[in-house]
Amino acid sequence: MKRQDCSVAAQGFSLIEMMIALSVIAVGLLAAGQLLYVASGSNSLARSKATAALAGQSVLESLGARYRQDPSDEDLSLGTHGPRSIEVANPADGTILNRYHVNWVVENVPDPRPGKVINARRVMAIVTPVLKDGTENSRRGLNKILSVTTVFSQKAS
């Protein structure tokens, strides 16, 4: 039977190897922490854009209903109109999630055929996130101005 020399057959990790391993783990955990932060910000941006799209769509639907009743309605005259203030509330507890100002621009629809006129209006709703006091909420990366466009026309007879 051979005897093993303790200095030659030492097993395990050295202190330097442990420090390197802990450094690699620490860097990995920091990267994962940043990933969670970015993911939560992306979730907030997605919710903000979704509710802004709903606010713009709601204004366009109400303007569309008014156009079908009376195409010469004051809110459908050529030019810029608004703002209309919209608050999006949490249905569970009623807290305000987002506030928006919606402006809309009404234009004639251009006809590419010379001498022809299309009896239609292009309406673009511009949805701007605002703070409680009504000033624009332009927090970098979280709130964006959104525009939604549609065309209103009379039924063909």
Protein backbone atom coordinates (compact mmCIF):
# COMPACT_ATOMS: atom_id res chain seq x y z
CA MET A 1 0.00 0.00 0.00
CA LYS A 2 1.26 3.43 -1.00
CA ARG A 3 1.06 6.36 1.21
CA GLN A 4 -0.19 9.64 -0.23
CA ASP A 5 1.70 12.76 0.51
CA CYS A 6 -0.64 15.51 1.73
CA SER A 7 1.13 18.22 -0.20
CA VAL A 8 0.95 16.34 -3.52
CA ALA A 9 -2.57 14.92 -3.29
CA ALA A 10 -4.39 17.98 -1.98
CA GLN A 11 -7.99 18.09 -3.20
CA GLY A 12 -10.62 20.86 -3.34
CA PHE A 13 -10.64 24.45 -4.50
CA SER A 14 -8.16 27.14 -3.72
CA LEU A 15 -9.19 30.53 -2.38
CA ILE A 16 -8.43 32.18 -5.75
CA GLU A 17 -10.67 29.72 -7.60
CA MET A 18 -13.51 30.40 -5.16
CA MET A 19 -13.14 34.17 -5.59
CA ILE A 20 -13.24 33.84 -9.39
CA ALA A 21 -16.34 31.62 -9.21
CA LEU A 22 -18.11 34.07 -6.87
CA SER A 23 -17.22 36.97 -9.19
CA VAL A 24 -18.74 35.15 -12.18
CA ILE A 25 -21.91 34.42 -10.17
CA ALA A 26 -22.13 38.07 -9.00
CA VAL A 27 -21.87 39.38 -12.58
CA GLY A 28 -24.57 36.91 -13.68
CA LEU A 29 -26.91 38.00 -10.89
CA LEU A 30 -26.40 41.68 -11.74
CA ALA A 31 -27.24 40.97 -15.38
CA ALA A 32 -30.39 39.10 -14.31
CA GLY A 33 -31.38 42.05 -12.10
CA GLN A 34 -31.04 44.45 -15.03
CA LEU A 35 -33.10 42.10 -17.18
CA LEU A 36 -35.93 42.17 -14.63
CA TYR A 37 -35.81 45.97 -14.50
CA VAL A 38 -36.01 46.27 -18.30
CA ALA A 39 -38.82 43.68 -18.44
CA SER A 40 -40.93 45.58 -15.90
CA GLY A 41 -40.38 48.83 -17.84
CA SER A 42 -41.42 47.12 -21.07
CA ASN A 43 -44.58 45.85 -19.41
CA SER A 44 -45.45 49.37 -18.27
CA LEU A 45 -44.81 50.77 -21.76
CA ALA A 46 -46.99 48.08 -23.34
CA ARG A 47 -49.86 48.85 -20.96
CA SER A 48 -49.49 52.58 -21.60
CA LYS A 49 -49.51 52.11 -25.39
CA ALA A 50 -52.48 49.73 -25.24
CA THR A 51 -54.59 52.13 -23.16
CA ALA A 52 -53.51 55.05 -25.40
CA ALA A 53 -54.66 53.09 -28.46
CA LEU A 54 -58.00 52.42 -26.75
CA ALA A 55 -58.37 56.13 -25.93
CA GLY A 56 -57.65 57.12 -29.54
CA GLN A 57 -59.99 54.45 -30.89
CA SER A 58 -62.75 55.61 -28.53
CA VAL A 59 -62.49 59.20 -29.78
CA LEU A 60 -62.47 58.06 -33.42
CA GLU A 61 -65.54 55.87 -32.86
CA SER A 62 -67.48 58.74 -31.30
CA LEU A 63 -66.43 61.05 -34.16
CA GLY A 64 -67.45 58.36 -36.67
CA ALA A 65 -70.91 58.14 -35.10
CA ARG A 66 -71.22 61.94 -35.30
CA TYR A 67 -70.07 61.88 -38.95
CA ARG A 68 -72.79 59.36 -39.86
CA GLN A 69 -75.41 61.62 -38.21
CA ASP A 70 -74.09 64.95 -39.50
CA PRO A 71 -70.97 65.18 -41.71
CA SER A 72 -70.91 68.96 -41.21
CA ASP A 73 -70.54 68.65 -37.40
CA GLU A 74 -68.26 71.31 -35.89
CA ASP A 75 -65.82 68.68 -34.55
CA LEU A 76 -65.44 67.29 -38.09
CA SER A 77 -64.60 70.59 -39.79
CA LEU A 78 -61.16 70.82 -41.41
CA GLY A 79 -58.36 71.61 -38.97
CA THR A 80 -57.12 70.68 -35.51
CA HIS A 81 -59.54 70.01 -32.66
CA GLY A 82 -59.31 69.13 -28.98
CA PRO A 83 -57.93 68.30 -26.55
CA ARG A 84 -60.37 65.84 -25.08
CA SER A 85 -59.24 64.54 -21.67
CA ILE A 86 -59.52 60.82 -21.04
CA GLU A 87 -58.74 58.91 -17.85
CA VAL A 88 -58.24 55.15 -17.82
CA ALA A 89 -59.27 53.59 -14.50
CA ASN A 90 -58.54 50.20 -12.99
CA PRO A 91 -61.88 48.32 -13.07
CA ALA A 92 -61.05 46.44 -9.86
CA ASP A 93 -60.55 49.40 -7.53
CA GLY A 94 -61.20 52.54 -9.60
CA THR A 95 -57.68 53.97 -9.34
CA ILE A 96 -56.54 56.04 -12.31
CA LEU A 97 -53.98 54.13 -14.40
CA ASN A 98 -53.35 56.66 -17.19
CA ARG A 99 -54.47 60.12 -18.27
CA TYR A 100 -54.45 61.32 -21.87
CA HIS A 101 -55.21 64.37 -23.95
CA VAL A 102 -56.58 63.45 -27.37
CA ASN A 103 -56.36 65.99 -30.20
CA TRP A 104 -57.57 65.24 -33.70
CA VAL A 105 -56.82 66.63 -37.12
CA VAL A 106 -59.45 66.52 -39.88
CA GLU A 107 -58.30 66.70 -43.51
CA ASN A 108 -59.81 66.10 -46.92
CA VAL A 109 -58.79 62.84 -48.55
CA PRO A 110 -56.77 63.68 -51.66
CA ASP A 111 -57.84 62.11 -54.92
CA PRO A 112 -55.00 61.19 -57.29
CA ARG A 113 -57.31 61.59 -60.31
CA PRO A 114 -57.21 65.12 -61.74
CA GLY A 115 -60.42 67.09 -61.27
CA LYS A 116 -62.02 64.49 -58.99
CA VAL A 117 -63.02 65.03 -55.38
CA ILE A 118 -63.55 62.30 -52.82
CA ASN A 119 -66.35 63.00 -50.37
CA ALA A 120 -64.43 61.72 -47.36
CA ARG A 121 -62.48 62.96 -44.34
CA ARG A 122 -59.22 61.62 -42.95
CA VAL A 123 -59.16 61.95 -39.16
CA MET A 124 -55.96 61.45 -37.16
CA ALA A 125 -56.25 61.22 -33.37
CA ILE A 126 -53.07 62.15 -31.47
CA VAL A 127 -52.98 60.68 -27.96
CA THR A 128 -50.59 62.35 -25.50
CA PRO A 129 -50.02 60.99 -21.97
CA VAL A 130 -50.47 63.71 -19.33
CA LEU A 131 -49.88 64.07 -15.61
CA LYS A 132 -52.54 64.84 -13.01
CA ASP A 133 -52.05 68.59 -13.51
CA GLY A 134 -52.47 68.28 -17.31
CA THR A 135 -48.81 68.74 -18.30
CA GLU A 136 -47.33 66.30 -20.82
CA ASN A 137 -45.96 63.12 -19.25
CA SER A 138 -42.84 62.46 -21.27
CA ARG A 139 -40.91 60.07 -19.02
CA ARG A 140 -38.21 58.62 -21.20
CA GLY A 141 -38.99 55.11 -22.40
CA LEU A 142 -42.31 54.78 -20.60
CA ASN A 143 -44.76 57.12 -22.28
CA LYS A 144 -45.02 57.79 -25.96
CA ILE A 145 -47.31 59.93 -28.09
CA LEU A 146 -49.49 57.70 -30.24
CA SER A 147 -51.48 58.55 -33.35
CA VAL A 148 -54.38 56.61 -34.86
CA THR A 149 -55.80 57.46 -38.30
CA THR A 150 -59.03 56.53 -40.08
CA VAL A 151 -61.12 57.71 -43.02
CA PHE A 152 -64.81 58.62 -42.79
CA SER A 153 -66.93 58.54 -45.92
CA GLN A 154 -70.58 58.58 -46.82
CA LYS A 155 -72.36 55.42 -47.93
CA ALA A 156 -72.52 55.01 -51.65
CA SER A 157 -76.10 55.29 -52.82
